[in-house]
Structure formats: structure tokens, C-alpha cells
Amino acid sequence: MGEEGTPVPAIGVTGANGFVGRVVLRAIADHGARPVALVRDGNAVGTVLQCEMRAVGAIDGRTEWRKALQGCSTVIHCAARVHVMRDKAADPLDAFRKVNRDGTRRLAESCARSGVRRLVVVSTVKVNGEATPFDPASGEGIPFTAADTPLPDDPYAISKYEAEAAVTEIAAETGLEVCIIRPPLVYGPGAGGNLERLLRLVRAGLPLPFGAIRNRRSLIGVRNLADLLVHVALRETAVGGVYLASDGEDVSTPDLVRRMAHALGRPARLVPVPVGFLTAVAGLAGRRADIERLTGSLQVDARPLATALGWMPPQTLDAGLREMADGE
């Protein structure tokens, strides 16, 4: 029970053992609510918080959620088949759809039947597309907004977009409150992918050929994302719709390298190699997509979060990078 005998709300978290889910569990407890870890395996290990764990098995269109959802007022859906650079599935789109589209639809239907009031879905900015325009001369770009026409470009993004459509339809039919959050690249302790590889290169003190890049990218720290998800979960008033989220500070790749270096206490060794040359060399090596993520821009308009949801990121980019550097 909470203050003056009020019940403590129970918030279920799917993907509770994942990079984002573990931090969400902590954030729920920090906000005075009761986290319930909804995991595939009842013997799952790795959760960073002692809390109730409920096994649901594989997440797809047949998952039985009823018992796992008992007593939960809200569910934060972090579980997903995540984007991978070199997918080995025979049919990647079908594999993504089974978990991300069909599994999310099944969860939303189960929430509506089980009396769950609100479902908070973690989607991805890749639903909007892969890049936004940026003018190096003016330093201005055109960020993605939730009102933009979706342009998902790969199986992961397509499955996430279809999941959004599914839960939106179920919300309209049942009255389930659904809020969809599209984050950009999420960083923090335990993050993988290109950002983690970039951090390793900076830590090694290697010269990096990124000094001539002029771009802007939105990021969000895992602590900020978790705080946002819990903020939405605990709002007393109804929420709904799609929101793009970020730290609110867009950075260029060279600036990100400098700030990583500062967090590590190392010098930033940036060499101004022309972007065209980088792209050509990466293309010959079969890594064109990797270099385009480092040289291109991807910005989001997160202002509606502050306006509609009253949320501001509690952690700065530099503080988040220090935690990532320290592995805390």
C-alpha cells in the first residue's frame, strides 16, 4: 500500500531482462510503483531489481498473457525482435512480424480483456524513415514528427509500424489507452551496435576519420527513455497517440566523439576526411549502410512530449555518456 493506504500500482514490463527493460524496472520502483517483470522464461536471470517475475513463454500471436497480467494497471511493452545488421533468418520480415506485430497485437488484445487500463508501446523512429535532411551551411535540418507519413525501410521498421497500427485499432475498438513512443538511437550502459563500437574506438585512442562530417542526430539515454515510459504509465489522465522522444539535444558525429572522449578522459583524435571518400571506401568494403549512419542526419521533434505529456528528460547527454563510458 502507498501513502494513506492507497494501493501501489503494479506495472508490468515485457522484455524486462533487456537493455531498456532492466532500467524501466528500476524507474518504476523509484517512482513508488510496483514493477512486475513479464519474461519469456520463468528462470530468467539478469534483472537488476528484486521484483515479481511472471513467465509468458515465447512472444507471438499465440502467447497466453491472462495470468501474467493479473493485477497490472499498466503494461510497458519493451520486448521485441530487435533490428540486426546482418539478419540470418530465412524470411526476416516474417520473423519480425511474428514477434513485433503479432505478439504486440496479442498483448493489446489480452490487456483489453484482462482489465489493464493502459498499454505503453516502445516502437522506433525507423517507422518514420532512415534519415532527415540537413543543410550544413545553415546548420538547420527538418526533424521527423509524429504527423509525417511513415516510411519504414526494412523488415524491423515495417513490423513495428504494423504493430502500431494493430494496437491503435484495438484501442479504438476496446477503449484500452495506448501510447506509442518512437525513440531514436538509445545509448547507455550495455548498449550495443554502432554506438558501442564507436565508444570502443574512442577508448582505444585511434584516429577517427570523422572530422569533416556535418550532420545532426537525435539520441535518447536509456535512463531518460525509462523515465518517460514510467511517466506515461503513471499519468492519471488518459494518454494516447504517437510521440517521438529524444534528449532534446541534437549532435554531430564529431561532437559526439568529442563528448565520448571527454567522458572517457581521452583525447578526441578526429581527422577531416571528406564524406564522399568515406562513403566510397565503405561501399567497397560492403559497409555503406554503417558509414551512412555516421555521416547522415536523423532528427526528431520531441517538443510535443513536453506540451502534451509534461515530460522533460531528467539526464543530460554528457551525464548519460559518462555512465555509458563507466559501464554503470
C-alpha atoms as a PDB file:
ATOM      1  CA  MET A   1       0.000   0.000   0.000  1.00  0.00           C
ATOM      2  CA  GLY A   2       1.145   3.556  -0.667  1.00  0.00           C
ATOM      3  CA  GLU A   3       0.684   6.695   1.371  1.00  0.00           C
ATOM      4  CA  GLU A   4      -2.533   6.899   3.421  1.00  0.00           C
ATOM      5  CA  GLY A   5      -3.411   3.328   2.489  1.00  0.00           C
ATOM      6  CA  THR A   6      -3.702   3.896  -1.264  1.00  0.00           C
ATOM      7  CA  PRO A   7      -2.811   0.818  -3.329  1.00  0.00           C
ATOM      8  CA  VAL A   8       0.567   0.817  -5.053  1.00  0.00           C
ATOM      9  CA  PRO A   9       0.008   0.450  -8.813  1.00  0.00           C
ATOM     10  CA  ALA A  10       1.522  -2.630 -10.433  1.00  0.00           C
ATOM     11  CA  ILE A  11       3.159  -2.016 -13.800  1.00  0.00           C
ATOM     12  CA  GLY A  12       4.062  -4.950 -16.000  1.00  0.00           C
ATOM     13  CA  VAL A  13       7.187  -4.733 -18.154  1.00  0.00           C
ATOM     14  CA  THR A  14       7.723  -7.023 -21.117  1.00  0.00           C
ATOM     15  CA  GLY A  15      11.324  -7.583 -22.137  1.00  0.00           C
ATOM     16  CA  ALA A  16      12.267  -6.904 -18.518  1.00  0.00           C
ATOM     17  CA  ASN A  17      15.689  -8.529 -18.921  1.00  0.00           C
ATOM     18  CA  GLY A  18      16.602  -6.383 -21.904  1.00  0.00           C
ATOM     19  CA  PHE A  19      18.734  -3.273 -22.250  1.00  0.00           C
ATOM     20  CA  VAL A  20      15.776  -0.921 -21.783  1.00  0.00           C
ATOM     21  CA  GLY A  21      13.552  -3.170 -19.683  1.00  0.00           C
ATOM     22  CA  ARG A  22      16.020  -3.508 -16.811  1.00  0.00           C
ATOM     23  CA  VAL A  23      16.225   0.253 -16.432  1.00  0.00           C
ATOM     24  CA  VAL A  24      12.442   0.579 -16.661  1.00  0.00           C
ATOM     25  CA  LEU A  25      12.069  -1.796 -13.698  1.00  0.00           C
ATOM     26  CA  ARG A  26      14.308   0.448 -11.591  1.00  0.00           C
ATOM     27  CA  ALA A  27      12.464   3.570 -12.701  1.00  0.00           C
ATOM     28  CA  ILE A  28       9.100   2.070 -11.711  1.00  0.00           C
ATOM     29  CA  ALA A  29      10.372   1.334  -8.219  1.00  0.00           C
ATOM     30  CA  ASP A  30      11.962   4.801  -7.984  1.00  0.00           C
ATOM     31  CA  HIS A  31       8.554   6.324  -8.760  1.00  0.00           C
ATOM     32  CA  GLY A  32       6.930   4.384  -5.928  1.00  0.00           C
ATOM     33  CA  ALA A  33       5.089   1.814  -8.047  1.00  0.00           C
ATOM     34  CA  ARG A  34       5.437  -1.970  -8.115  1.00  0.00           C
ATOM     35  CA  PRO A  35       7.323  -3.448 -11.084  1.00  0.00           C
ATOM     36  CA  VAL A  36       6.255  -6.822 -12.452  1.00  0.00           C
ATOM     37  CA  ALA A  37       8.739  -8.434 -14.835  1.00  0.00           C
ATOM     38  CA  LEU A  38       6.964 -10.208 -17.706  1.00  0.00           C
ATOM     39  CA  VAL A  39       9.633 -12.501 -19.126  1.00  0.00           C
ATOM     40  CA  ARG A  40       9.770 -15.355 -21.595  1.00  0.00           C
ATOM     41  CA  ASP A  41      11.490 -17.760 -19.183  1.00  0.00           C
ATOM     42  CA  GLY A  42      10.412 -18.154 -15.552  1.00  0.00           C
ATOM     43  CA  ASN A  43      14.022 -18.944 -14.644  1.00  0.00           C
ATOM     44  CA  ALA A  44      15.293 -15.796 -16.352  1.00  0.00           C
ATOM     45  CA  VAL A  45      18.283 -14.151 -14.747  1.00  0.00           C
ATOM     46  CA  GLY A  46      19.801 -10.744 -15.108  1.00  0.00           C
ATOM     47  CA  THR A  47      17.056  -8.489 -13.798  1.00  0.00           C
ATOM     48  CA  VAL A  48      18.674  -5.733 -11.759  1.00  0.00           C
ATOM     49  CA  LEU A  49      15.824  -5.410  -9.293  1.00  0.00           C
ATOM     50  CA  GLN A  50      14.270  -7.925  -6.948  1.00  0.00           C
ATOM     51  CA  CYS A  51      10.691  -7.971  -8.158  1.00  0.00           C
ATOM     52  CA  GLU A  52       7.954 -10.378  -9.077  1.00  0.00           C
ATOM     53  CA  MET A  53       8.677 -12.272 -12.292  1.00  0.00           C
ATOM     54  CA  ARG A  54       5.956 -13.891 -14.381  1.00  0.00           C
ATOM     55  CA  ALA A  55       6.775 -16.195 -17.286  1.00  0.00           C
ATOM     56  CA  VAL A  56       4.823 -15.834 -20.529  1.00  0.00           C
ATOM     57  CA  GLY A  57       6.820 -18.051 -22.881  1.00  0.00           C
ATOM     58  CA  ALA A  58       7.579 -17.066 -26.448  1.00  0.00           C
ATOM     59  CA  ILE A  59       6.033 -13.780 -27.573  1.00  0.00           C
ATOM     60  CA  ASP A  60       3.982 -14.162 -30.731  1.00  0.00           C
ATOM     61  CA  GLY A  61       0.381 -14.284 -31.867  1.00  0.00           C
ATOM     62  CA  ARG A  62      -0.416 -17.204 -29.533  1.00  0.00           C
ATOM     63  CA  THR A  63       1.093 -16.022 -26.244  1.00  0.00           C
ATOM     64  CA  GLU A  64      -1.146 -16.608 -23.230  1.00  0.00           C
ATOM     65  CA  TRP A  65      -0.969 -13.382 -21.211  1.00  0.00           C
ATOM     66  CA  ARG A  66      -4.023 -13.702 -18.920  1.00  0.00           C
ATOM     67  CA  LYS A  67      -2.352 -14.908 -15.717  1.00  0.00           C
ATOM     68  CA  ALA A  68       0.721 -12.727 -16.205  1.00  0.00           C
ATOM     69  CA  LEU A  69      -1.390  -9.579 -16.485  1.00  0.00           C
ATOM     70  CA  GLN A  70      -3.436 -10.116 -13.326  1.00  0.00           C
ATOM     71  CA  GLY A  71      -3.348  -7.047 -11.093  1.00  0.00           C
ATOM     72  CA  CYS A  72      -1.416  -4.885 -13.566  1.00  0.00           C
ATOM     73  CA  SER A  73      -2.935  -1.465 -14.185  1.00  0.00           C
ATOM     74  CA  THR A  74      -0.487  -0.667 -16.969  1.00  0.00           C
ATOM     75  CA  VAL A  75       1.911  -2.587 -19.188  1.00  0.00           C
ATOM     76  CA  ILE A  76       5.085  -1.139 -20.723  1.00  0.00           C
ATOM     77  CA  HIS A  77       5.903  -3.189 -23.807  1.00  0.00           C
ATOM     78  CA  CYS A  78       9.677  -3.254 -24.369  1.00  0.00           C
ATOM     79  CA  ALA A  79      10.013  -6.806 -25.724  1.00  0.00           C
ATOM     80  CA  ALA A  80      10.782  -7.067 -29.421  1.00  0.00           C
ATOM     81  CA  ARG A  81      12.770  -8.856 -32.043  1.00  0.00           C
ATOM     82  CA  VAL A  82      15.360  -6.147 -32.423  1.00  0.00           C
ATOM     83  CA  HIS A  83      16.997  -4.756 -35.527  1.00  0.00           C
ATOM     84  CA  VAL A  84      20.171  -6.597 -36.548  1.00  0.00           C
ATOM     85  CA  MET A  85      22.631  -5.537 -39.218  1.00  0.00           C
ATOM     86  CA  ARG A  86      23.012  -8.970 -40.860  1.00  0.00           C
ATOM     87  CA  ASP A  87      19.859 -10.996 -40.253  1.00  0.00           C
ATOM     88  CA  LYS A  88      20.270 -14.740 -40.832  1.00  0.00           C
ATOM     89  CA  ALA A  89      16.559 -15.603 -40.759  1.00  0.00           C
ATOM     90  CA  ALA A  90      15.288 -17.304 -43.934  1.00  0.00           C
ATOM     91  CA  ASP A  91      12.447 -14.767 -44.082  1.00  0.00           C
ATOM     92  CA  PRO A  92      13.405 -11.754 -41.917  1.00  0.00           C
ATOM     93  CA  LEU A  93      10.094  -9.922 -42.410  1.00  0.00           C
ATOM     94  CA  ASP A  94       8.089 -12.959 -41.312  1.00  0.00           C
ATOM     95  CA  ALA A  95      10.359 -13.434 -38.277  1.00  0.00           C
ATOM     96  CA  PHE A  96       9.948  -9.795 -37.242  1.00  0.00           C
ATOM     97  CA  ARG A  97       6.200  -9.870 -37.803  1.00  0.00           C
ATOM     98  CA  LYS A  98       5.664 -12.912 -35.591  1.00  0.00           C
ATOM     99  CA  VAL A  99       7.148 -11.154 -32.566  1.00  0.00           C
ATOM    100  CA  ASN A 100       6.727  -7.440 -33.183  1.00  0.00           C
ATOM    101  CA  ARG A 101       3.381  -7.290 -34.996  1.00  0.00           C
ATOM    102  CA  ASP A 102       1.537 -10.453 -33.984  1.00  0.00           C
ATOM    103  CA  GLY A 103       2.973 -10.563 -30.474  1.00  0.00           C
ATOM    104  CA  THR A 104       2.105  -6.927 -29.818  1.00  0.00           C
ATOM    105  CA  ARG A 105      -1.417  -7.349 -31.184  1.00  0.00           C
ATOM    106  CA  ARG A 106      -1.937 -10.373 -28.939  1.00  0.00           C
ATOM    107  CA  LEU A 107      -0.680  -8.417 -25.933  1.00  0.00           C
ATOM    108  CA  ALA A 108      -3.016  -5.486 -26.633  1.00  0.00           C
ATOM    109  CA  GLU A 109      -5.999  -7.811 -27.022  1.00  0.00           C
ATOM    110  CA  SER A 110      -5.104  -9.543 -23.767  1.00  0.00           C
ATOM    111  CA  CYS A 111      -4.677  -6.235 -21.936  1.00  0.00           C
ATOM    112  CA  ALA A 112      -8.142  -5.135 -23.047  1.00  0.00           C
ATOM    113  CA  ARG A 113      -9.706  -8.426 -21.885  1.00  0.00           C
ATOM    114  CA  SER A 114      -7.790  -8.517 -18.591  1.00  0.00           C
ATOM    115  CA  GLY A 115      -8.742  -5.048 -17.349  1.00  0.00           C
ATOM    116  CA  VAL A 116      -5.365  -3.425 -17.970  1.00  0.00           C
ATOM    117  CA  ARG A 117      -6.087   0.281 -18.318  1.00  0.00           C
ATOM    118  CA  ARG A 118      -3.092   1.423 -20.348  1.00  0.00           C
ATOM    119  CA  LEU A 119      -0.511  -0.026 -22.717  1.00  0.00           C
ATOM    120  CA  VAL A 120       2.694   1.908 -23.407  1.00  0.00           C
ATOM    121  CA  VAL A 121       4.416   0.602 -26.542  1.00  0.00           C
ATOM    122  CA  VAL A 122       8.093   1.174 -27.343  1.00  0.00           C
ATOM    123  CA  SER A 123       8.328   1.498 -31.129  1.00  0.00           C
ATOM    124  CA  THR A 124      11.148   3.096 -33.146  1.00  0.00           C
ATOM    125  CA  VAL A 125      11.854   6.258 -35.103  1.00  0.00           C
ATOM    126  CA  LYS A 126      12.727   3.951 -38.004  1.00  0.00           C
ATOM    127  CA  VAL A 127       8.968   3.865 -38.639  1.00  0.00           C
ATOM    128  CA  ASN A 128       9.414   7.452 -39.885  1.00  0.00           C
ATOM    129  CA  GLY A 129      12.421   6.569 -42.038  1.00  0.00           C
ATOM    130  CA  GLU A 130      16.178   6.260 -42.044  1.00  0.00           C
ATOM    131  CA  ALA A 131      17.328   9.875 -42.382  1.00  0.00           C
ATOM    132  CA  THR A 132      16.271  13.508 -42.267  1.00  0.00           C
ATOM    133  CA  PRO A 133      17.555  16.373 -44.453  1.00  0.00           C
ATOM    134  CA  PHE A 134      20.213  18.706 -43.063  1.00  0.00           C
ATOM    135  CA  ASP A 135      21.850  21.818 -44.529  1.00  0.00           C
ATOM    136  CA  PRO A 136      25.467  22.093 -43.298  1.00  0.00           C
ATOM    137  CA  ALA A 137      25.685  25.703 -44.457  1.00  0.00           C
ATOM    138  CA  SER A 138      22.782  26.911 -42.310  1.00  0.00           C
ATOM    139  CA  GLY A 139      23.100  24.285 -39.607  1.00  0.00           C
ATOM    140  CA  GLU A 140      19.371  23.601 -39.920  1.00  0.00           C
ATOM    141  CA  GLY A 141      17.560  20.350 -40.501  1.00  0.00           C
ATOM    142  CA  ILE A 142      13.969  19.179 -40.793  1.00  0.00           C
ATOM    143  CA  PRO A 143      13.209  16.781 -37.928  1.00  0.00           C
ATOM    144  CA  PHE A 144      10.773  13.917 -38.127  1.00  0.00           C
ATOM    145  CA  THR A 145       7.385  14.482 -36.478  1.00  0.00           C
ATOM    146  CA  ALA A 146       4.647  12.064 -35.491  1.00  0.00           C
ATOM    147  CA  ALA A 147       2.460  13.573 -38.216  1.00  0.00           C
ATOM    148  CA  ASP A 148       4.858  12.641 -41.015  1.00  0.00           C
ATOM    149  CA  THR A 149       3.898   9.904 -43.456  1.00  0.00           C
ATOM    150  CA  PRO A 150       5.603   6.715 -42.194  1.00  0.00           C
ATOM    151  CA  LEU A 151       8.390   5.395 -44.415  1.00  0.00           C
ATOM    152  CA  PRO A 152       9.624   2.158 -42.788  1.00  0.00           C
ATOM    153  CA  ASP A 153      12.505   0.880 -44.878  1.00  0.00           C
ATOM    154  CA  ASP A 154      13.428  -2.571 -43.537  1.00  0.00           C
ATOM    155  CA  PRO A 155      11.679  -5.623 -42.018  1.00  0.00           C
ATOM    156  CA  TYR A 156      12.213  -4.419 -38.446  1.00  0.00           C
ATOM    157  CA  ALA A 157      10.687  -0.995 -39.105  1.00  0.00           C
ATOM    158  CA  ILE A 158       7.832  -2.467 -41.148  1.00  0.00           C
ATOM    159  CA  SER A 159       6.923  -4.868 -38.344  1.00  0.00           C
ATOM    160  CA  LYS A 160       6.994  -2.034 -35.811  1.00  0.00           C
ATOM    161  CA  TYR A 161       4.758   0.137 -37.978  1.00  0.00           C
ATOM    162  CA  GLU A 162       2.309  -2.722 -38.371  1.00  0.00           C
ATOM    163  CA  ALA A 163       2.358  -3.240 -34.604  1.00  0.00           C
ATOM    164  CA  GLU A 164       1.477   0.419 -34.097  1.00  0.00           C
ATOM    165  CA  ALA A 165      -1.457   0.058 -36.483  1.00  0.00           C
ATOM    166  CA  ALA A 166      -2.651  -3.076 -34.686  1.00  0.00           C
ATOM    167  CA  VAL A 167      -2.681  -1.578 -31.180  1.00  0.00           C
ATOM    168  CA  THR A 168      -4.248   1.643 -32.435  1.00  0.00           C
ATOM    169  CA  GLU A 169      -7.086  -0.382 -33.938  1.00  0.00           C
ATOM    170  CA  ILE A 170      -7.565  -2.353 -30.725  1.00  0.00           C
ATOM    171  CA  ALA A 171      -7.576   0.857 -28.681  1.00  0.00           C
ATOM    172  CA  ALA A 172     -10.367   2.267 -30.858  1.00  0.00           C
ATOM    173  CA  GLU A 173     -12.395  -0.930 -30.528  1.00  0.00           C
ATOM    174  CA  THR A 174     -11.965  -1.562 -26.793  1.00  0.00           C
ATOM    175  CA  GLY A 175     -11.152   1.722 -25.057  1.00  0.00           C
ATOM    176  CA  LEU A 176      -7.700   0.493 -23.995  1.00  0.00           C
ATOM    177  CA  GLU A 177      -5.461   3.531 -23.516  1.00  0.00           C
ATOM    178  CA  VAL A 178      -2.488   3.171 -25.857  1.00  0.00           C
ATOM    179  CA  CYS A 179       0.549   5.458 -26.032  1.00  0.00           C
ATOM    180  CA  ILE A 180       3.270   4.761 -28.607  1.00  0.00           C
ATOM    181  CA  ILE A 181       6.799   6.096 -28.119  1.00  0.00           C
ATOM    182  CA  ARG A 182       9.230   6.203 -31.044  1.00  0.00           C
ATOM    183  CA  PRO A 183      12.772   6.666 -29.717  1.00  0.00           C
ATOM    184  CA  PRO A 184      15.852   7.275 -31.875  1.00  0.00           C
ATOM    185  CA  LEU A 185      19.159   5.582 -31.060  1.00  0.00           C
ATOM    186  CA  VAL A 186      19.202   4.665 -27.350  1.00  0.00           C
ATOM    187  CA  TYR A 187      22.529   4.864 -25.528  1.00  0.00           C
ATOM    188  CA  GLY A 188      23.673   3.924 -22.061  1.00  0.00           C
ATOM    189  CA  PRO A 189      25.483   1.179 -20.155  1.00  0.00           C
ATOM    190  CA  GLY A 190      25.095  -2.088 -22.040  1.00  0.00           C
ATOM    191  CA  ALA A 191      24.141  -0.502 -25.356  1.00  0.00           C
ATOM    192  CA  GLY A 192      25.420  -2.358 -28.400  1.00  0.00           C
ATOM    193  CA  GLY A 193      25.612  -1.656 -32.091  1.00  0.00           C
ATOM    194  CA  ASN A 194      27.404   1.194 -33.816  1.00  0.00           C
ATOM    195  CA  LEU A 195      27.433   3.440 -30.758  1.00  0.00           C
ATOM    196  CA  GLU A 196      29.181   0.852 -28.625  1.00  0.00           C
ATOM    197  CA  ARG A 197      31.712   0.221 -31.395  1.00  0.00           C
ATOM    198  CA  LEU A 198      32.343   3.948 -31.686  1.00  0.00           C
ATOM    199  CA  LEU A 199      32.925   4.176 -27.943  1.00  0.00           C
ATOM    200  CA  ARG A 200      35.491   1.358 -28.152  1.00  0.00           C
ATOM    201  CA  LEU A 201      37.363   3.163 -30.919  1.00  0.00           C
ATOM    202  CA  VAL A 202      37.434   6.387 -28.908  1.00  0.00           C
ATOM    203  CA  ARG A 203      38.604   4.494 -25.829  1.00  0.00           C
ATOM    204  CA  ALA A 204      41.420   2.932 -27.861  1.00  0.00           C
ATOM    205  CA  GLY A 205      42.636   6.404 -28.834  1.00  0.00           C
ATOM    206  CA  LEU A 206      42.595   5.616 -32.551  1.00  0.00           C
ATOM    207  CA  PRO A 207      42.463   8.436 -35.126  1.00  0.00           C
ATOM    208  CA  LEU A 208      38.925   8.597 -36.496  1.00  0.00           C
ATOM    209  CA  PRO A 209      38.194   9.957 -39.998  1.00  0.00           C
ATOM    210  CA  PHE A 210      35.021  11.799 -38.997  1.00  0.00           C
ATOM    211  CA  GLY A 211      36.282  15.364 -38.572  1.00  0.00           C
ATOM    212  CA  ALA A 212      34.657  16.666 -41.775  1.00  0.00           C
ATOM    213  CA  ILE A 213      31.155  15.303 -41.085  1.00  0.00           C
ATOM    214  CA  ARG A 214      28.460  17.941 -40.717  1.00  0.00           C
ATOM    215  CA  ASN A 215      25.239  16.318 -39.595  1.00  0.00           C
ATOM    216  CA  ARG A 216      22.773  16.231 -36.693  1.00  0.00           C
ATOM    217  CA  ARG A 217      21.447  13.202 -34.870  1.00  0.00           C
ATOM    218  CA  SER A 218      18.933  12.887 -32.064  1.00  0.00           C
ATOM    219  CA  LEU A 219      19.677  10.414 -29.277  1.00  0.00           C
ATOM    220  CA  ILE A 220      17.992   9.376 -26.060  1.00  0.00           C
ATOM    221  CA  GLY A 221      19.667   7.997 -22.955  1.00  0.00           C
ATOM    222  CA  VAL A 222      18.261   4.765 -21.587  1.00  0.00           C
ATOM    223  CA  ARG A 223      17.567   6.447 -18.233  1.00  0.00           C
ATOM    224  CA  ASN A 224      15.635   9.205 -19.973  1.00  0.00           C
ATOM    225  CA  LEU A 225      13.632   6.725 -22.029  1.00  0.00           C
ATOM    226  CA  ALA A 226      12.796   4.679 -18.936  1.00  0.00           C
ATOM    227  CA  ASP A 227      11.741   7.794 -17.043  1.00  0.00           C
ATOM    228  CA  LEU A 228       9.494   8.811 -19.943  1.00  0.00           C
ATOM    229  CA  LEU A 229       7.843   5.391 -20.159  1.00  0.00           C
ATOM    230  CA  VAL A 230       7.095   5.348 -16.442  1.00  0.00           C
ATOM    231  CA  HIS A 231       5.892   8.959 -16.547  1.00  0.00           C
ATOM    232  CA  VAL A 232       3.367   7.956 -19.210  1.00  0.00           C
ATOM    233  CA  ALA A 233       2.405   4.793 -17.324  1.00  0.00           C
ATOM    234  CA  LEU A 234       1.614   6.702 -14.120  1.00  0.00           C
ATOM    235  CA  ARG A 235      -0.243   9.670 -15.600  1.00  0.00           C
ATOM    236  CA  GLU A 236      -3.671   9.967 -14.030  1.00  0.00           C
ATOM    237  CA  THR A 237      -5.255  11.461 -17.144  1.00  0.00           C
ATOM    238  CA  ALA A 238      -5.728   9.483 -20.322  1.00  0.00           C
ATOM    239  CA  VAL A 239      -2.970   9.424 -22.892  1.00  0.00           C
ATOM    240  CA  GLY A 240      -2.954   8.330 -26.472  1.00  0.00           C
ATOM    241  CA  GLY A 241      -1.242   8.708 -29.803  1.00  0.00           C
ATOM    242  CA  VAL A 242       2.319   8.613 -31.072  1.00  0.00           C
ATOM    243  CA  TYR A 243       5.234  10.622 -29.684  1.00  0.00           C
ATOM    244  CA  LEU A 244       8.843  10.961 -30.800  1.00  0.00           C
ATOM    245  CA  ALA A 245      11.339  11.151 -27.952  1.00  0.00           C
ATOM    246  CA  SER A 246      14.897  12.386 -27.525  1.00  0.00           C
ATOM    247  CA  ASP A 247      17.260  14.033 -25.057  1.00  0.00           C
ATOM    248  CA  GLY A 248      16.409  17.331 -26.717  1.00  0.00           C
ATOM    249  CA  GLU A 249      19.987  17.992 -27.840  1.00  0.00           C
ATOM    250  CA  ASP A 250      20.988  17.007 -31.375  1.00  0.00           C
ATOM    251  CA  VAL A 251      24.696  16.458 -32.009  1.00  0.00           C
ATOM    252  CA  SER A 252      27.013  15.918 -34.954  1.00  0.00           C
ATOM    253  CA  THR A 253      29.135  12.786 -35.176  1.00  0.00           C
ATOM    254  CA  PRO A 254      32.375  14.738 -34.478  1.00  0.00           C
ATOM    255  CA  ASP A 255      30.762  16.407 -31.452  1.00  0.00           C
ATOM    256  CA  LEU A 256      29.580  13.027 -30.181  1.00  0.00           C
ATOM    257  CA  VAL A 257      33.141  11.677 -30.497  1.00  0.00           C
ATOM    258  CA  ARG A 258      34.499  14.680 -28.575  1.00  0.00           C
ATOM    259  CA  ARG A 259      31.962  14.208 -25.802  1.00  0.00           C
ATOM    260  CA  MET A 260      32.646  10.479 -25.613  1.00  0.00           C
ATOM    261  CA  ALA A 261      36.340  11.240 -25.351  1.00  0.00           C
ATOM    262  CA  HIS A 262      35.674  13.724 -22.564  1.00  0.00           C
ATOM    263  CA  ALA A 263      33.601  11.118 -20.707  1.00  0.00           C
ATOM    264  CA  LEU A 264      36.458   8.636 -21.057  1.00  0.00           C
ATOM    265  CA  GLY A 265      39.171  11.137 -20.156  1.00  0.00           C
ATOM    266  CA  ARG A 266      40.819  10.536 -23.519  1.00  0.00           C
ATOM    267  CA  PRO A 267      41.749  12.892 -26.377  1.00  0.00           C
ATOM    268  CA  ALA A 268      39.453  13.046 -29.395  1.00  0.00           C
ATOM    269  CA  ARG A 269      41.568  12.193 -32.428  1.00  0.00           C
ATOM    270  CA  LEU A 270      39.474  13.416 -35.364  1.00  0.00           C
ATOM    271  CA  VAL A 271      40.833  13.541 -38.902  1.00  0.00           C
ATOM    272  CA  PRO A 272      38.887  15.609 -41.513  1.00  0.00           C
ATOM    273  CA  VAL A 273      38.407  13.042 -44.285  1.00  0.00           C
ATOM    274  CA  PRO A 274      35.876  14.054 -46.999  1.00  0.00           C
ATOM    275  CA  VAL A 275      32.497  12.367 -46.567  1.00  0.00           C
ATOM    276  CA  GLY A 276      32.401  11.289 -50.207  1.00  0.00           C
ATOM    277  CA  PHE A 277      35.660   9.402 -49.808  1.00  0.00           C
ATOM    278  CA  LEU A 278      34.420   7.696 -46.622  1.00  0.00           C
ATOM    279  CA  THR A 279      31.253   6.607 -48.399  1.00  0.00           C
ATOM    280  CA  ALA A 280      33.148   5.257 -51.407  1.00  0.00           C
ATOM    281  CA  VAL A 281      35.578   3.238 -49.288  1.00  0.00           C
ATOM    282  CA  ALA A 282      32.771   1.894 -47.111  1.00  0.00           C
ATOM    283  CA  GLY A 283      30.864   0.864 -50.237  1.00  0.00           C
ATOM    284  CA  LEU A 284      33.841  -1.135 -51.500  1.00  0.00           C
ATOM    285  CA  ALA A 285      34.049  -2.863 -48.119  1.00  0.00           C
ATOM    286  CA  GLY A 286      30.339  -3.661 -48.030  1.00  0.00           C
ATOM    287  CA  ARG A 287      29.763  -1.268 -45.117  1.00  0.00           C
ATOM    288  CA  ARG A 288      27.984   1.584 -46.853  1.00  0.00           C
ATOM    289  CA  ALA A 289      24.968   1.444 -44.514  1.00  0.00           C
ATOM    290  CA  ASP A 290      27.262   1.707 -41.468  1.00  0.00           C
ATOM    291  CA  ILE A 291      29.015   4.830 -42.715  1.00  0.00           C
ATOM    292  CA  GLU A 292      25.759   6.428 -43.808  1.00  0.00           C
ATOM    293  CA  ARG A 293      24.512   6.183 -40.220  1.00  0.00           C
ATOM    294  CA  LEU A 294      27.622   8.034 -39.084  1.00  0.00           C
ATOM    295  CA  THR A 295      27.552  10.694 -41.788  1.00  0.00           C
ATOM    296  CA  GLY A 296      23.797  11.193 -42.223  1.00  0.00           C
ATOM    297  CA  SER A 297      21.283  13.099 -40.104  1.00  0.00           C
ATOM    298  CA  LEU A 298      18.306  11.813 -38.177  1.00  0.00           C
ATOM    299  CA  GLN A 299      16.499  14.363 -36.037  1.00  0.00           C
ATOM    300  CA  VAL A 300      13.184  14.129 -34.215  1.00  0.00           C
ATOM    301  CA  ASP A 301      10.824  16.794 -32.922  1.00  0.00           C
ATOM    302  CA  ALA A 302      10.317  15.871 -29.269  1.00  0.00           C
ATOM    303  CA  ARG A 303       8.593  19.115 -28.276  1.00  0.00           C
ATOM    304  CA  PRO A 304       5.097  17.574 -28.208  1.00  0.00           C
ATOM    305  CA  LEU A 305       6.251  15.417 -25.290  1.00  0.00           C
ATOM    306  CA  ALA A 306       6.716  18.498 -23.149  1.00  0.00           C
ATOM    307  CA  THR A 307       3.491  20.071 -24.385  1.00  0.00           C
ATOM    308  CA  ALA A 308       1.132  17.093 -24.286  1.00  0.00           C
ATOM    309  CA  LEU A 309       2.696  14.886 -21.625  1.00  0.00           C
ATOM    310  CA  GLY A 310       4.524  17.412 -19.467  1.00  0.00           C
ATOM    311  CA  TRP A 311       7.792  15.467 -19.634  1.00  0.00           C
ATOM    312  CA  MET A 312      11.363  16.703 -19.841  1.00  0.00           C
ATOM    313  CA  PRO A 313      14.484  14.491 -19.889  1.00  0.00           C
ATOM    314  CA  PRO A 314      15.991  14.357 -16.384  1.00  0.00           C
ATOM    315  CA  GLN A 315      19.530  13.437 -17.535  1.00  0.00           C
ATOM    316  CA  THR A 316      21.868  15.371 -19.815  1.00  0.00           C
ATOM    317  CA  LEU A 317      23.639  13.811 -22.771  1.00  0.00           C
ATOM    318  CA  ASP A 318      27.037  14.267 -21.088  1.00  0.00           C
ATOM    319  CA  ALA A 319      25.866  12.564 -17.885  1.00  0.00           C
ATOM    320  CA  GLY A 320      24.460   9.673 -19.887  1.00  0.00           C
ATOM    321  CA  LEU A 321      27.680   9.275 -21.860  1.00  0.00           C
ATOM    322  CA  ARG A 322      29.673   9.218 -18.616  1.00  0.00           C
ATOM    323  CA  GLU A 323      27.514   6.362 -17.353  1.00  0.00           C
ATOM    324  CA  MET A 324      27.936   4.532 -20.628  1.00  0.00           C
ATOM    325  CA  ALA A 325      31.696   5.052 -20.505  1.00  0.00           C
ATOM    326  CA  ASP A 326      31.818   3.790 -16.919  1.00  0.00           C
ATOM    327  CA  GLY A 327      29.514   0.872 -17.684  1.00  0.00           C
ATOM    328  CA  GLU A 328      27.326   1.728 -14.709  1.00  0.00           C
END
